[in-house]
PDB file of N, CA and C in Angstrom:
ATOM      1  N   UNK A   1     -15.828  78.449 110.271  1.00  0.00           N
ATOM      2  CA  UNK A   1     -15.267  79.277 110.676  1.00  0.00           C
ATOM      3  C   UNK A   1     -13.958  78.244 112.036  1.00  0.00           C
ATOM      4  N   UNK A   2     -13.139  78.662 112.455  1.00  0.00           N
ATOM      5  CA  UNK A   2     -12.269  78.638 113.409  1.00  0.00           C
ATOM      6  C   UNK A   2     -12.650  78.783 114.976  1.00  0.00           C
ATOM      7  N   UNK A   3     -12.431  78.371 115.889  1.00  0.00           N
ATOM      8  CA  UNK A   3     -12.771  78.805 117.000  1.00  0.00           C
ATOM      9  C   UNK A   3     -11.206  78.850 117.659  1.00  0.00           C
ATOM     10  N   UNK A   4     -11.295  79.327 118.833  1.00  0.00           N
ATOM     11  CA  UNK A   4      -9.892  79.455 119.286  1.00  0.00           C
ATOM     12  C   UNK A   4     -10.745  79.654 120.702  1.00  0.00           C
ATOM     13  N   UNK A   5      -9.337  78.373 121.593  1.00  0.00           N
ATOM     14  CA  UNK A   5      -9.741  78.692 122.830  1.00  0.00           C
ATOM     15  C   UNK A   5      -8.623  78.907 123.798  1.00  0.00           C
ATOM     16  N   UNK A   6      -8.409  79.974 124.595  1.00  0.00           N
ATOM     17  CA  UNK A   6      -7.415  80.815 125.164  1.00  0.00           C
ATOM     18  C   UNK A   6      -7.413  80.645 126.715  1.00  0.00           C
ATOM     19  N   UNK A   7      -6.570  79.689 127.108  1.00  0.00           N
ATOM     20  CA  UNK A   7      -6.193  79.243 128.267  1.00  0.00           C
ATOM     21  C   UNK A   7      -5.110  80.262 129.123  1.00  0.00           C
ATOM     22  N   UNK A   8      -4.808  80.423 130.556  1.00  0.00           N
ATOM     23  CA  UNK A   8      -4.177  80.686 131.257  1.00  0.00           C
ATOM     24  C   UNK A   8      -2.602  80.084 131.215  1.00  0.00           C
ATOM     25  N   UNK A   9      -1.573  80.191 131.336  1.00  0.00           N
ATOM     26  CA  UNK A   9      -0.242  79.747 131.149  1.00  0.00           C
ATOM     27  C   UNK A   9       0.737  80.071 132.616  1.00  0.00           C
ATOM     28  N   UNK A  10      -0.168  80.845 133.450  1.00  0.00           N
ATOM     29  CA  UNK A  10       0.703  81.462 134.358  1.00  0.00           C
ATOM     30  C   UNK A  10       1.328  80.387 135.512  1.00  0.00           C
ATOM     31  N   UNK A  11       1.023  79.081 135.316  1.00  0.00           N
ATOM     32  CA  UNK A  11       1.180  78.051 136.518  1.00  0.00           C
ATOM     33  C   UNK A  11       2.986  77.649 135.440  1.00  0.00           C
ATOM     34  N   UNK A  12       2.287  77.441 134.578  1.00  0.00           N
ATOM     35  CA  UNK A  12       3.658  76.773 133.165  1.00  0.00           C
ATOM     36  C   UNK A  12       4.439  77.687 133.788  1.00  0.00           C
ATOM     37  N   UNK A  13       4.428  79.592 133.217  1.00  0.00           N
ATOM     38  CA  UNK A  13       5.429  79.434 133.602  1.00  0.00           C
ATOM     39  C   UNK A  13       5.713  80.042 134.794  1.00  0.00           C
ATOM     40  N   UNK A  14       5.328  79.680 136.281  1.00  0.00           N
ATOM     41  CA  UNK A  14       5.762  79.657 137.825  1.00  0.00           C
ATOM     42  C   UNK A  14       6.669  78.634 137.404  1.00  0.00           C
ATOM     43  N   UNK A  15       6.880  77.218 137.050  1.00  0.00           N
ATOM     44  CA  UNK A  15       6.715  75.997 137.026  1.00  0.00           C
ATOM     45  C   UNK A  15       8.647  76.043 136.133  1.00  0.00           C
ATOM     46  N   UNK A  16       8.602  76.764 135.576  1.00  0.00           N
ATOM     47  CA  UNK A  16      10.158  77.080 134.631  1.00  0.00           C
ATOM     48  C   UNK A  16      10.294  77.591 135.142  1.00  0.00           C
ATOM     49  N   UNK A  17       9.884  79.421 135.987  1.00  0.00           N
ATOM     50  CA  UNK A  17      10.732  79.996 137.118  1.00  0.00           C
ATOM     51  C   UNK A  17      10.868  79.215 137.955  1.00  0.00           C
ATOM     52  N   UNK A  18      10.888  78.432 138.962  1.00  0.00           N
ATOM     53  CA  UNK A  18      10.844  77.407 139.669  1.00  0.00           C
ATOM     54  C   UNK A  18      12.514  76.709 139.592  1.00  0.00           C
ATOM     55  N   UNK A  19      12.200  76.117 137.965  1.00  0.00           N
ATOM     56  CA  UNK A  19      13.499  75.445 137.798  1.00  0.00           C
ATOM     57  C   UNK A  19      14.670  76.354 137.678  1.00  0.00           C
ATOM     58  N   UNK A  20      14.261  77.392 136.739  1.00  0.00           N
ATOM     59  CA  UNK A  20      15.361  78.274 136.780  1.00  0.00           C
ATOM     60  C   UNK A  20      16.208  79.030 138.434  1.00  0.00           C
ATOM     61  N   UNK A  21      15.355  79.084 138.969  1.00  0.00           N
ATOM     62  CA  UNK A  21      16.059  79.397 140.452  1.00  0.00           C
ATOM     63  C   UNK A  21      16.353  78.489 141.161  1.00  0.00           C
ATOM     64  N   UNK A  22      15.455  77.397 140.541  1.00  0.00           N
ATOM     65  CA  UNK A  22      15.656  76.033 141.719  1.00  0.00           C
ATOM     66  C   UNK A  22      15.541  76.755 143.221  1.00  0.00           C
ATOM     67  N   UNK A  23      14.451  77.181 143.324  1.00  0.00           N
ATOM     68  CA  UNK A  23      13.246  77.954 144.030  1.00  0.00           C
ATOM     69  C   UNK A  23      12.471  77.562 143.949  1.00  0.00           C
ATOM     70  N   UNK A  24      11.284  77.378 145.233  1.00  0.00           N
ATOM     71  CA  UNK A  24       9.640  77.490 144.699  1.00  0.00           C
ATOM     72  C   UNK A  24       9.569  78.781 145.540  1.00  0.00           C
ATOM     73  N   UNK A  25       8.255  79.159 145.555  1.00  0.00           N
ATOM     74  CA  UNK A  25       7.642  79.969 146.066  1.00  0.00           C
ATOM     75  C   UNK A  25       6.135  79.915 146.229  1.00  0.00           C
ATOM     76  N   UNK A  26       6.362  80.628 147.762  1.00  0.00           N
ATOM     77  CA  UNK A  26       4.409  80.039 148.710  1.00  0.00           C
ATOM     78  C   UNK A  26       3.275  81.143 147.906  1.00  0.00           C
ATOM     79  N   UNK A  27       1.811  80.597 147.796  1.00  0.00           N
ATOM     80  CA  UNK A  27       1.123  81.407 147.341  1.00  0.00           C
ATOM     81  C   UNK A  27       0.859  82.761 148.049  1.00  0.00           C
ATOM     82  N   UNK A  28       1.330  82.729 149.014  1.00  0.00           N
ATOM     83  CA  UNK A  28       1.500  83.795 150.179  1.00  0.00           C
ATOM     84  C   UNK A  28       2.691  84.813 149.272  1.00  0.00           C
ATOM     85  N   UNK A  29       4.072  84.268 149.256  1.00  0.00           N
ATOM     86  CA  UNK A  29       4.830  85.380 149.034  1.00  0.00           C
ATOM     87  C   UNK A  29       4.241  85.259 147.225  1.00  0.00           C
ATOM     88  N   UNK A  30       4.030  84.647 146.151  1.00  0.00           N
ATOM     89  CA  UNK A  30       3.456  85.485 145.393  1.00  0.00           C
ATOM     90  C   UNK A  30       2.680  86.441 145.413  1.00  0.00           C
ATOM     91  N   UNK A  31       1.086  86.137 146.005  1.00  0.00           N
ATOM     92  CA  UNK A  31       0.583  86.918 146.236  1.00  0.00           C
ATOM     93  C   UNK A  31       0.375  88.251 146.973  1.00  0.00           C
ATOM     94  N   UNK A  32       1.900  88.109 147.782  1.00  0.00           N
ATOM     95  CA  UNK A  32       1.967  89.801 148.534  1.00  0.00           C
ATOM     96  C   UNK A  32       2.962  90.179 147.362  1.00  0.00           C
ATOM     97  N   UNK A  33       3.628  89.449 145.979  1.00  0.00           N
ATOM     98  CA  UNK A  33       4.895  89.948 145.467  1.00  0.00           C
ATOM     99  C   UNK A  33       3.556  90.853 144.083  1.00  0.00           C
ATOM    100  N   UNK A  34       2.003  90.285 144.135  1.00  0.00           N
ATOM    101  CA  UNK A  34       1.355  90.528 142.739  1.00  0.00           C
ATOM    102  C   UNK A  34      -0.251  91.527 143.731  1.00  0.00           C
ATOM    103  N   UNK A  35       0.034  92.009 144.662  1.00  0.00           N
ATOM    104  CA  UNK A  35      -0.964  92.331 145.291  1.00  0.00           C
ATOM    105  C   UNK A  35      -2.624  91.680 145.791  1.00  0.00           C
ATOM    106  N   UNK A  36      -2.169  90.798 145.814  1.00  0.00           N
ATOM    107  CA  UNK A  36      -3.633  90.093 146.114  1.00  0.00           C
ATOM    108  C   UNK A  36      -3.068  88.887 147.403  1.00  0.00           C
ATOM    109  N   UNK A  37      -4.686  88.395 148.029  1.00  0.00           N
ATOM    110  CA  UNK A  37      -4.415  87.424 149.047  1.00  0.00           C
ATOM    111  C   UNK A  37      -3.470  85.885 148.513  1.00  0.00           C
ATOM    112  N   UNK A  38      -2.808  85.331 149.381  1.00  0.00           N
ATOM    113  CA  UNK A  38      -2.647  83.881 149.320  1.00  0.00           C
ATOM    114  C   UNK A  38      -3.356  83.781 147.989  1.00  0.00           C
ATOM    115  N   UNK A  39      -4.678  83.021 148.803  1.00  0.00           N
ATOM    116  CA  UNK A  39      -5.814  82.341 147.671  1.00  0.00           C
ATOM    117  C   UNK A  39      -5.998  83.002 146.568  1.00  0.00           C
ATOM    118  N   UNK A  40      -6.384  84.100 146.347  1.00  0.00           N
ATOM    119  CA  UNK A  40      -6.348  84.658 144.999  1.00  0.00           C
ATOM    120  C   UNK A  40      -5.047  84.297 143.920  1.00  0.00           C
ATOM    121  N   UNK A  41      -4.601  84.913 144.673  1.00  0.00           N
ATOM    122  CA  UNK A  41      -2.974  84.038 143.985  1.00  0.00           C
ATOM    123  C   UNK A  41      -3.329  82.587 143.537  1.00  0.00           C
ATOM    124  N   UNK A  42      -3.548  81.625 144.643  1.00  0.00           N
ATOM    125  CA  UNK A  42      -3.249  80.172 143.925  1.00  0.00           C
ATOM    126  C   UNK A  42      -4.469  80.135 143.413  1.00  0.00           C
ATOM    127  N   UNK A  43      -6.077  80.488 143.593  1.00  0.00           N
ATOM    128  CA  UNK A  43      -6.776  80.709 142.454  1.00  0.00           C
ATOM    129  C   UNK A  43      -6.678  80.664 140.756  1.00  0.00           C
ATOM    130  N   UNK A  44      -6.006  82.174 140.707  1.00  0.00           N
ATOM    131  CA  UNK A  44      -4.918  82.803 139.955  1.00  0.00           C
ATOM    132  C   UNK A  44      -4.183  81.485 138.531  1.00  0.00           C
ATOM    133  N   UNK A  45      -3.645  80.995 139.318  1.00  0.00           N
ATOM    134  CA  UNK A  45      -2.578  79.848 139.023  1.00  0.00           C
ATOM    135  C   UNK A  45      -3.117  78.861 138.595  1.00  0.00           C
ATOM    136  N   UNK A  46      -4.076  78.523 139.872  1.00  0.00           N
ATOM    137  CA  UNK A  46      -4.469  76.711 139.272  1.00  0.00           C
ATOM    138  C   UNK A  46      -5.857  76.890 139.248  1.00  0.00           C
ATOM    139  N   UNK A  47      -6.402  77.752 138.451  1.00  0.00           N
ATOM    140  CA  UNK A  47      -7.845  77.142 138.010  1.00  0.00           C
ATOM    141  C   UNK A  47      -8.037  77.440 136.735  1.00  0.00           C
ATOM    142  N   UNK A  48      -8.738  75.785 136.472  1.00  0.00           N
ATOM    143  CA  UNK A  48      -9.220  75.758 134.726  1.00  0.00           C
ATOM    144  C   UNK A  48     -10.267  76.670 134.333  1.00  0.00           C
ATOM    145  N   UNK A  49      -8.668  77.394 133.113  1.00  0.00           N
ATOM    146  CA  UNK A  49     -10.084  78.740 132.040  1.00  0.00           C
ATOM    147  C   UNK A  49     -11.286  77.857 132.084  1.00  0.00           C
ATOM    148  N   UNK A  50     -12.078  79.118 132.501  1.00  0.00           N
ATOM    149  CA  UNK A  50     -13.514  79.428 131.820  1.00  0.00           C
ATOM    150  C   UNK A  50     -14.008  80.285 131.040  1.00  0.00           C
ATOM    151  N   UNK A  51     -15.346  80.249 130.399  1.00  0.00           N
ATOM    152  CA  UNK A  51     -15.766  80.983 129.589  1.00  0.00           C
ATOM    153  C   UNK A  51     -15.502  82.103 130.094  1.00  0.00           C
ATOM    154  N   UNK A  52     -16.206  82.505 131.524  1.00  0.00           N
ATOM    155  CA  UNK A  52     -16.161  83.523 132.164  1.00  0.00           C
ATOM    156  C   UNK A  52     -15.720  83.673 132.958  1.00  0.00           C
ATOM    157  N   UNK A  53     -14.204  83.686 133.227  1.00  0.00           N
ATOM    158  CA  UNK A  53     -12.844  83.443 133.596  1.00  0.00           C
ATOM    159  C   UNK A  53     -12.167  84.974 133.369  1.00  0.00           C
ATOM    160  N   UNK A  54     -11.460  85.379 133.909  1.00  0.00           N
ATOM    161  CA  UNK A  54     -11.169  86.222 133.327  1.00  0.00           C
ATOM    162  C   UNK A  54     -10.000  87.317 134.211  1.00  0.00           C
ATOM    163  N   UNK A  55      -8.414  88.041 133.737  1.00  0.00           N
ATOM    164  CA  UNK A  55      -7.779  88.675 134.710  1.00  0.00           C
ATOM    165  C   UNK A  55      -7.771  89.924 134.347  1.00  0.00           C
ATOM    166  N   UNK A  56      -7.641  90.591 135.367  1.00  0.00           N
ATOM    167  CA  UNK A  56      -7.500  92.365 135.011  1.00  0.00           C
ATOM    168  C   UNK A  56      -6.608  92.507 134.677  1.00  0.00           C
ATOM    169  N   UNK A  57      -6.489  93.389 133.790  1.00  0.00           N
ATOM    170  CA  UNK A  57      -5.543  94.036 132.939  1.00  0.00           C
ATOM    171  C   UNK A  57      -4.326  94.373 133.527  1.00  0.00           C
ATOM    172  N   UNK A  58      -4.588  95.097 135.074  1.00  0.00           N
ATOM    173  CA  UNK A  58      -3.252  95.343 136.084  1.00  0.00           C
ATOM    174  C   UNK A  58      -2.798  94.438 136.604  1.00  0.00           C
ATOM    175  N   UNK A  59      -3.629  92.702 136.395  1.00  0.00           N
ATOM    176  CA  UNK A  59      -3.329  91.639 137.427  1.00  0.00           C
ATOM    177  C   UNK A  59      -2.290  91.126 136.322  1.00  0.00           C
ATOM    178  N   UNK A  60      -2.477  91.406 135.676  1.00  0.00           N
ATOM    179  CA  UNK A  60      -1.790  90.718 133.733  1.00  0.00           C
ATOM    180  C   UNK A  60      -0.316  91.450 134.152  1.00  0.00           C
ATOM    181  N   UNK A  61      -0.568  92.569 134.085  1.00  0.00           N
ATOM    182  CA  UNK A  61       1.205  93.348 133.998  1.00  0.00           C
ATOM    183  C   UNK A  61       1.713  93.269 135.614  1.00  0.00           C
ATOM    184  N   UNK A  62       1.073  93.302 136.760  1.00  0.00           N
ATOM    185  CA  UNK A  62       1.535  92.544 138.072  1.00  0.00           C
ATOM    186  C   UNK A  62       2.424  91.458 137.765  1.00  0.00           C
ATOM    187  N   UNK A  63       1.690  90.265 137.076  1.00  0.00           N
ATOM    188  CA  UNK A  63       1.998  89.210 136.994  1.00  0.00           C
ATOM    189  C   UNK A  63       3.847  89.454 136.002  1.00  0.00           C
ATOM    190  N   UNK A  64       3.337  90.290 134.846  1.00  0.00           N
ATOM    191  CA  UNK A  64       4.636  90.438 134.083  1.00  0.00           C
ATOM    192  C   UNK A  64       5.975  90.876 134.733  1.00  0.00           C
ATOM    193  N   UNK A  65       5.609  92.030 135.772  1.00  0.00           N
ATOM    194  CA  UNK A  65       6.631  92.420 136.568  1.00  0.00           C
ATOM    195  C   UNK A  65       7.074  91.760 137.486  1.00  0.00           C
ATOM    196  N   UNK A  66       6.411  91.030 138.077  1.00  0.00           N
ATOM    197  CA  UNK A  66       6.852  89.839 138.603  1.00  0.00           C
ATOM    198  C   UNK A  66       8.094  88.625 138.445  1.00  0.00           C
ATOM    199  N   UNK A  67       7.458  88.546 136.900  1.00  0.00           N
ATOM    200  CA  UNK A  67       8.713  87.232 136.104  1.00  0.00           C
ATOM    201  C   UNK A  67       9.653  87.935 136.009  1.00  0.00           C
ATOM    202  N   UNK A  68       9.474  89.027 135.787  1.00  0.00           N
ATOM    203  CA  UNK A  68      10.477  89.840 135.416  1.00  0.00           C
ATOM    204  C   UNK A  68      11.546  89.813 136.668  1.00  0.00           C
ATOM    205  N   UNK A  69      11.052  90.603 138.034  1.00  0.00           N
ATOM    206  CA  UNK A  69      12.055  90.772 139.153  1.00  0.00           C
ATOM    207  C   UNK A  69      12.705  89.542 139.435  1.00  0.00           C
ATOM    208  N   UNK A  70      11.936  88.356 139.482  1.00  0.00           N
ATOM    209  CA  UNK A  70      12.503  87.126 139.582  1.00  0.00           C
ATOM    210  C   UNK A  70      13.445  86.914 138.394  1.00  0.00           C
ATOM    211  N   UNK A  71      14.093  87.493 137.308  1.00  0.00           N
ATOM    212  CA  UNK A  71      14.745  86.869 136.547  1.00  0.00           C
ATOM    213  C   UNK A  71      14.266  86.295 135.056  1.00  0.00           C
ATOM    214  N   UNK A  72      13.146  85.879 135.360  1.00  0.00           N
ATOM    215  CA  UNK A  72      12.395  85.638 133.961  1.00  0.00           C
ATOM    216  C   UNK A  72      11.417  86.438 133.480  1.00  0.00           C
ATOM    217  N   UNK A  73      12.244  87.560 133.019  1.00  0.00           N
ATOM    218  CA  UNK A  73      10.905  88.682 131.925  1.00  0.00           C
ATOM    219  C   UNK A  73       9.959  87.529 130.722  1.00  0.00           C
ATOM    220  N   UNK A  74       8.932  87.459 130.634  1.00  0.00           N
ATOM    221  CA  UNK A  74       7.849  86.707 130.067  1.00  0.00           C
ATOM    222  C   UNK A  74       7.388  88.282 129.273  1.00  0.00           C
ATOM    223  N   UNK A  75       6.481  87.768 128.171  1.00  0.00           N
ATOM    224  CA  UNK A  75       6.110  88.259 127.320  1.00  0.00           C
ATOM    225  C   UNK A  75       4.289  88.236 127.374  1.00  0.00           C
ATOM    226  N   UNK A  76       3.543  88.627 127.360  1.00  0.00           N
ATOM    227  CA  UNK A  76       2.101  88.585 127.604  1.00  0.00           C
ATOM    228  C   UNK A  76       1.577  86.989 126.653  1.00  0.00           C
ATOM    229  N   UNK A  77       1.981  87.468 125.552  1.00  0.00           N
ATOM    230  CA  UNK A  77       1.713  85.524 125.065  1.00  0.00           C
ATOM    231  C   UNK A  77       2.293  84.776 125.895  1.00  0.00           C
ATOM    232  N   UNK A  78       3.452  84.362 126.907  1.00  0.00           N
ATOM    233  CA  UNK A  78       3.853  83.792 127.592  1.00  0.00           C
ATOM    234  C   UNK A  78       3.106  83.393 128.421  1.00  0.00           C
ATOM    235  N   UNK A  79       1.994  84.130 128.673  1.00  0.00           N
ATOM    236  CA  UNK A  79       0.902  84.168 129.703  1.00  0.00           C
ATOM    237  C   UNK A  79      -0.681  83.432 129.598  1.00  0.00           C
ATOM    238  N   UNK A  80      -0.469  83.154 127.824  1.00  0.00           N
ATOM    239  CA  UNK A  80      -1.772  81.666 127.538  1.00  0.00           C
ATOM    240  C   UNK A  80      -1.197  81.377 126.453  1.00  0.00           C
ATOM    241  N   UNK A  81      -1.810  79.966 126.497  1.00  0.00           N
ATOM    242  CA  UNK A  81      -2.093  79.350 125.448  1.00  0.00           C
ATOM    243  C   UNK A  81      -3.316  79.202 124.736  1.00  0.00           C
ATOM    244  N   UNK A  82      -3.031  79.400 123.252  1.00  0.00           N
ATOM    245  CA  UNK A  82      -4.165  79.678 122.161  1.00  0.00           C
ATOM    246  C   UNK A  82      -4.140  78.160 121.492  1.00  0.00           C
ATOM    247  N   UNK A  83      -5.452  77.367 121.190  1.00  0.00           N
ATOM    248  CA  UNK A  83      -5.396  76.128 120.373  1.00  0.00           C
ATOM    249  C   UNK A  83      -6.798  76.660 119.831  1.00  0.00           C
ATOM    250  N   UNK A  84      -6.769  75.288 119.041  1.00  0.00           N
ATOM    251  CA  UNK A  84      -8.392  75.760 118.164  1.00  0.00           C
ATOM    252  C   UNK A  84      -8.970  74.675 118.150  1.00  0.00           C
TER     253      UNK A  84
END
């Protein structure tokens, strides 16, 4: 039986966005844009995935909207990396 590991790729998307826009985003700016604190945004983007880690569906929607507003629309699949 195959086992899949799903990890967030939020930070990878952010790095790509920063490269495209030739700009950097503070955690405070990102938090404000997606409706959470600076520290919560940093934790969301930087923490390693754990088996009990999760992002709420509403947060995923906010991430999709954030990247679209910033000129780099992403699909839900872009926000995650799946490996065996």
